[in-house]
N, C-alpha and C. Protein backbone atom coordinates (compact mmCIF):
# COMPACT_ATOMS: atom_id res chain seq x y z
N MET A 1 92.64 194.43 155.85
CA MET A 1 93.38 193.41 156.49
C MET A 1 92.79 193.14 158.03
N ALA A 2 92.91 192.00 157.58
CA ALA A 2 92.60 191.53 159.48
C ALA A 2 93.50 190.68 159.99
N ARG A 3 93.37 191.33 161.47
CA ARG A 3 94.54 190.48 162.42
C ARG A 3 94.09 189.14 162.85
N SER A 4 94.96 188.42 162.90
CA SER A 4 94.41 187.76 163.77
C SER A 4 95.20 187.06 165.19
N LYS A 5 94.33 186.70 165.99
CA LYS A 5 94.45 186.42 167.68
C LYS A 5 95.69 185.48 167.80
N PRO A 6 96.36 186.22 168.56
CA PRO A 6 98.18 185.23 168.52
C PRO A 6 97.97 184.26 169.54
N SER A 7 98.27 183.09 169.36
CA SER A 7 98.19 181.85 170.20
C SER A 7 98.71 181.86 171.18
N LYS A 8 97.86 181.29 172.37
CA LYS A 8 98.49 181.67 173.66
C LYS A 8 99.47 180.51 173.94
N GLN A 9 99.95 179.73 173.04
CA GLN A 9 101.02 178.56 173.65
C GLN A 9 101.46 178.06 171.88
N LEU A 10 102.98 177.57 171.83
CA LEU A 10 104.01 177.42 170.89
C LEU A 10 102.83 175.80 170.22
N SER A 11 102.96 176.04 168.96
CA SER A 11 102.44 174.58 168.62
C SER A 11 103.71 173.93 168.44
N GLU A 12 103.16 172.07 168.28
CA GLU A 12 104.39 171.30 168.51
C GLU A 12 105.64 171.71 167.55
N THR A 13 105.32 172.04 166.24
CA THR A 13 106.52 172.79 165.01
C THR A 13 107.14 173.27 165.69
N GLU A 14 106.79 174.72 166.82
CA GLU A 14 107.36 175.79 167.30
C GLU A 14 107.90 174.83 168.49
N ILE A 15 107.50 174.33 169.05
CA ILE A 15 108.69 173.58 170.01
C ILE A 15 109.57 172.85 170.04
N ALA A 16 109.09 172.08 168.62
CA ALA A 16 110.83 171.19 167.89
C ALA A 16 111.34 172.33 167.72
N THR A 17 111.15 173.07 167.00
CA THR A 17 112.32 174.33 166.76
C THR A 17 112.81 175.00 167.71
N PHE A 18 112.01 175.24 168.91
CA PHE A 18 112.75 176.09 169.99
C PHE A 18 113.28 174.89 170.81
N LEU A 19 113.05 173.59 171.01
CA LEU A 19 114.06 172.75 171.32
C LEU A 19 115.35 172.58 170.61
N THR A 20 115.38 172.35 169.17
CA THR A 20 116.95 172.57 168.59
C THR A 20 117.63 173.46 168.78
N ALA A 21 116.99 174.88 168.89
CA ALA A 21 117.47 175.88 169.32
C ALA A 21 118.30 176.04 170.55
N ALA A 22 117.24 175.59 171.62
CA ALA A 22 118.18 175.45 173.08
C ALA A 22 118.74 174.28 173.03
N GLU A 23 119.05 173.35 172.33
CA GLU A 23 120.04 172.22 172.34
C GLU A 23 121.52 172.93 171.73
N ALA A 24 121.55 173.45 170.50
CA ALA A 24 122.20 174.15 170.38
C ALA A 24 123.01 175.43 171.42
N LEU A 25 122.02 176.01 172.22
CA LEU A 25 122.55 176.94 173.07
C LEU A 25 123.19 176.17 174.39
N HIS A 26 122.43 174.98 174.55
CA HIS A 26 123.50 174.02 175.68
C HIS A 26 124.63 173.99 175.61
N ARG A 27 124.72 173.20 174.19
CA ARG A 27 126.35 172.68 173.80
C ARG A 27 127.26 174.03 173.89
N SER A 28 126.75 174.89 173.71
CA SER A 28 127.57 176.32 173.33
C SER A 28 127.85 176.52 174.60
N ILE A 29 127.43 176.40 175.57
CA ILE A 29 127.48 176.95 176.97
C ILE A 29 128.25 175.35 177.75
N VAL A 30 128.08 173.89 177.73
CA VAL A 30 129.18 173.36 178.33
C VAL A 30 130.33 172.86 177.67
N LYS A 31 130.59 173.45 176.05
CA LYS A 31 131.70 172.91 175.77
C LYS A 31 133.02 173.60 176.10
N PRO A 32 133.14 174.72 176.62
CA PRO A 32 134.57 175.37 177.01
C PRO A 32 134.68 174.35 178.41
N PHE A 33 135.85 173.96 178.43
CA PHE A 33 136.63 173.75 179.41
C PHE A 33 137.09 174.55 180.09
N ILE A 34 136.51 174.85 181.44
CA ILE A 34 136.96 176.47 182.01
C ILE A 34 136.78 176.01 183.52
N SER A 35 137.51 176.80 183.99
CA SER A 35 137.90 176.78 186.03
C SER A 35 136.89 176.97 186.46
N PRO A 36 135.89 176.32 187.38
CA PRO A 36 135.04 176.69 187.95
C PRO A 36 134.98 177.80 188.76
N HIS A 37 136.26 178.07 189.36
CA HIS A 37 136.68 179.39 189.88
C HIS A 37 136.45 180.66 189.32
N CYS A 38 136.54 180.53 188.07
CA CYS A 38 136.60 182.10 187.18
C CYS A 38 135.22 182.12 187.04
N ASP A 39 134.66 183.85 186.51
CA ASP A 39 133.57 184.54 186.55
C ASP A 39 132.86 184.08 185.58
N HIS A 40 133.33 183.79 184.39
CA HIS A 40 133.20 183.24 183.25
C HIS A 40 131.90 181.90 183.30
N TYR A 41 132.86 180.96 183.86
CA TYR A 41 132.10 179.91 184.35
C TYR A 41 130.88 180.26 185.31
N ARG A 42 130.76 180.61 186.16
CA ARG A 42 129.58 181.29 186.97
C ARG A 42 128.58 181.47 186.24
N GLN A 43 128.76 182.37 185.22
CA GLN A 43 127.74 183.27 184.35
C GLN A 43 127.24 182.38 183.48
N THR A 44 127.94 181.25 182.73
CA THR A 44 127.47 180.16 182.14
C THR A 44 126.64 179.29 182.72
N HIS A 45 127.19 178.63 184.21
CA HIS A 45 126.37 178.28 185.20
C HIS A 45 124.81 178.81 185.13
N VAL A 46 124.69 179.83 185.10
CA VAL A 46 123.41 180.59 185.47
C VAL A 46 122.62 180.56 184.41
N LEU A 47 123.42 181.05 183.36
CA LEU A 47 123.06 180.88 181.73
C LEU A 47 121.90 179.19 181.78
N HIS A 48 123.10 178.56 182.15
CA HIS A 48 122.41 177.16 181.85
C HIS A 48 121.30 176.76 183.08
N GLU A 49 121.47 177.10 184.02
CA GLU A 49 119.97 177.17 184.92
C GLU A 49 118.91 177.86 184.14
N VAL A 50 118.99 178.85 183.61
CA VAL A 50 117.66 179.12 182.90
C VAL A 50 117.23 178.92 181.76
N LEU A 51 118.22 178.27 180.97
CA LEU A 51 117.95 177.62 180.01
C LEU A 51 117.14 176.58 180.70
N LEU A 52 117.45 175.48 181.32
CA LEU A 52 117.12 174.58 182.07
C LEU A 52 115.48 174.81 182.37
N LYS A 53 115.31 176.05 183.29
CA LYS A 53 113.86 176.29 183.55
C LYS A 53 113.02 176.39 182.25
N ALA A 54 113.52 177.01 181.36
CA ALA A 54 112.85 177.63 180.47
C ALA A 54 112.05 176.28 179.63
N VAL A 55 113.48 175.32 179.38
CA VAL A 55 112.91 174.51 178.65
C VAL A 55 111.85 173.33 179.52
N ARG A 56 111.95 173.41 180.82
CA ARG A 56 110.96 172.96 181.64
C ARG A 56 109.89 173.86 181.25
N ASP A 57 109.89 175.03 181.28
CA ASP A 57 108.34 175.84 181.21
C ASP A 57 107.56 175.55 179.91
N VAL A 58 108.64 175.38 178.77
CA VAL A 58 107.39 175.27 177.52
C VAL A 58 107.26 173.93 177.46
N THR A 59 108.10 172.99 177.54
CA THR A 59 107.79 172.11 176.96
C THR A 59 106.96 170.95 178.18
N GLY A 60 107.31 171.40 179.19
CA GLY A 60 106.58 170.54 180.58
C GLY A 60 107.34 169.22 180.78
N LYS A 61 108.14 168.93 180.54
CA LYS A 61 109.05 167.77 180.81
C LYS A 61 110.56 167.89 180.70
N GLU A 62 111.61 167.49 181.46
CA GLU A 62 112.73 167.24 181.29
C GLU A 62 113.23 166.56 179.93
N VAL A 63 114.49 167.35 179.37
CA VAL A 63 115.35 166.88 178.42
C VAL A 63 116.52 166.56 178.30
N GLU A 64 116.55 165.71 177.77
CA GLU A 64 117.69 164.62 177.92
C GLU A 64 119.05 165.40 177.88
N PHE A 65 119.48 166.49 176.86
CA PHE A 65 120.36 166.92 176.21
C PHE A 65 120.84 168.14 177.53
N ILE A 66 120.25 168.36 178.69
CA ILE A 66 120.44 169.41 179.41
C ILE A 66 120.99 168.56 180.30
N GLN A 67 122.33 168.72 180.37
CA GLN A 67 123.15 167.84 181.47
C GLN A 67 124.23 168.89 181.99
N TRP A 68 124.80 168.72 183.10
CA TRP A 68 125.82 169.76 183.75
C TRP A 68 126.98 168.75 184.57
N HIS A 69 127.87 168.83 184.09
CA HIS A 69 129.37 167.92 184.79
C HIS A 69 128.63 166.41 184.66
N THR A 70 128.23 166.32 183.36
CA THR A 70 128.37 164.39 183.58
C THR A 70 129.15 163.90 182.30
N THR A 71 129.46 162.18 182.57
CA THR A 71 130.32 161.84 181.30
C THR A 71 129.68 160.79 180.43
N GLY A 72 128.30 161.14 180.59
CA GLY A 72 127.58 159.89 179.66
C GLY A 72 126.18 160.38 179.67
N PRO A 73 125.61 159.83 179.09
CA PRO A 73 123.88 159.95 179.26
C PRO A 73 122.99 159.93 180.23
N VAL A 74 122.67 160.50 180.71
CA VAL A 74 121.69 160.97 182.05
C VAL A 74 120.75 160.01 181.47
N ARG A 75 120.47 159.03 182.65
CA ARG A 75 118.97 158.52 183.17
C ARG A 75 118.75 158.58 184.09
N SER A 76 117.16 158.37 184.23
CA SER A 76 116.21 158.45 185.48
C SER A 76 116.79 157.16 186.17
N PRO A 77 116.31 157.05 187.56
CA PRO A 77 116.42 155.40 188.09
C PRO A 77 115.51 154.83 187.92
N GLU A 78 113.92 155.49 187.20
CA GLU A 78 113.28 154.92 187.17
C GLU A 78 113.19 154.15 185.58
N ALA A 79 114.32 154.55 184.86
CA ALA A 79 114.68 153.88 183.21
C ALA A 79 115.03 152.82 183.62
N GLY A 80 115.95 152.19 184.58
CA GLY A 80 116.80 150.84 184.82
C GLY A 80 117.71 150.71 184.39
């Protein structure tokens, strides 16, 4: 049985799967309506920041579903 060499990066299909899982995690982090003064809020905020960094590192770009304290879709100033 021959071993294959592991890939150095995710395929497009694997990135799409990663983004689907990241979006589900994002929704579970931001859904609870809890006081910003409690420990749970602070810890979920830390987790959200780590998720944001991971998505940026893996995809090389911002992802629309990652928002914190917004009331609607986030649009960049350039989008007009």
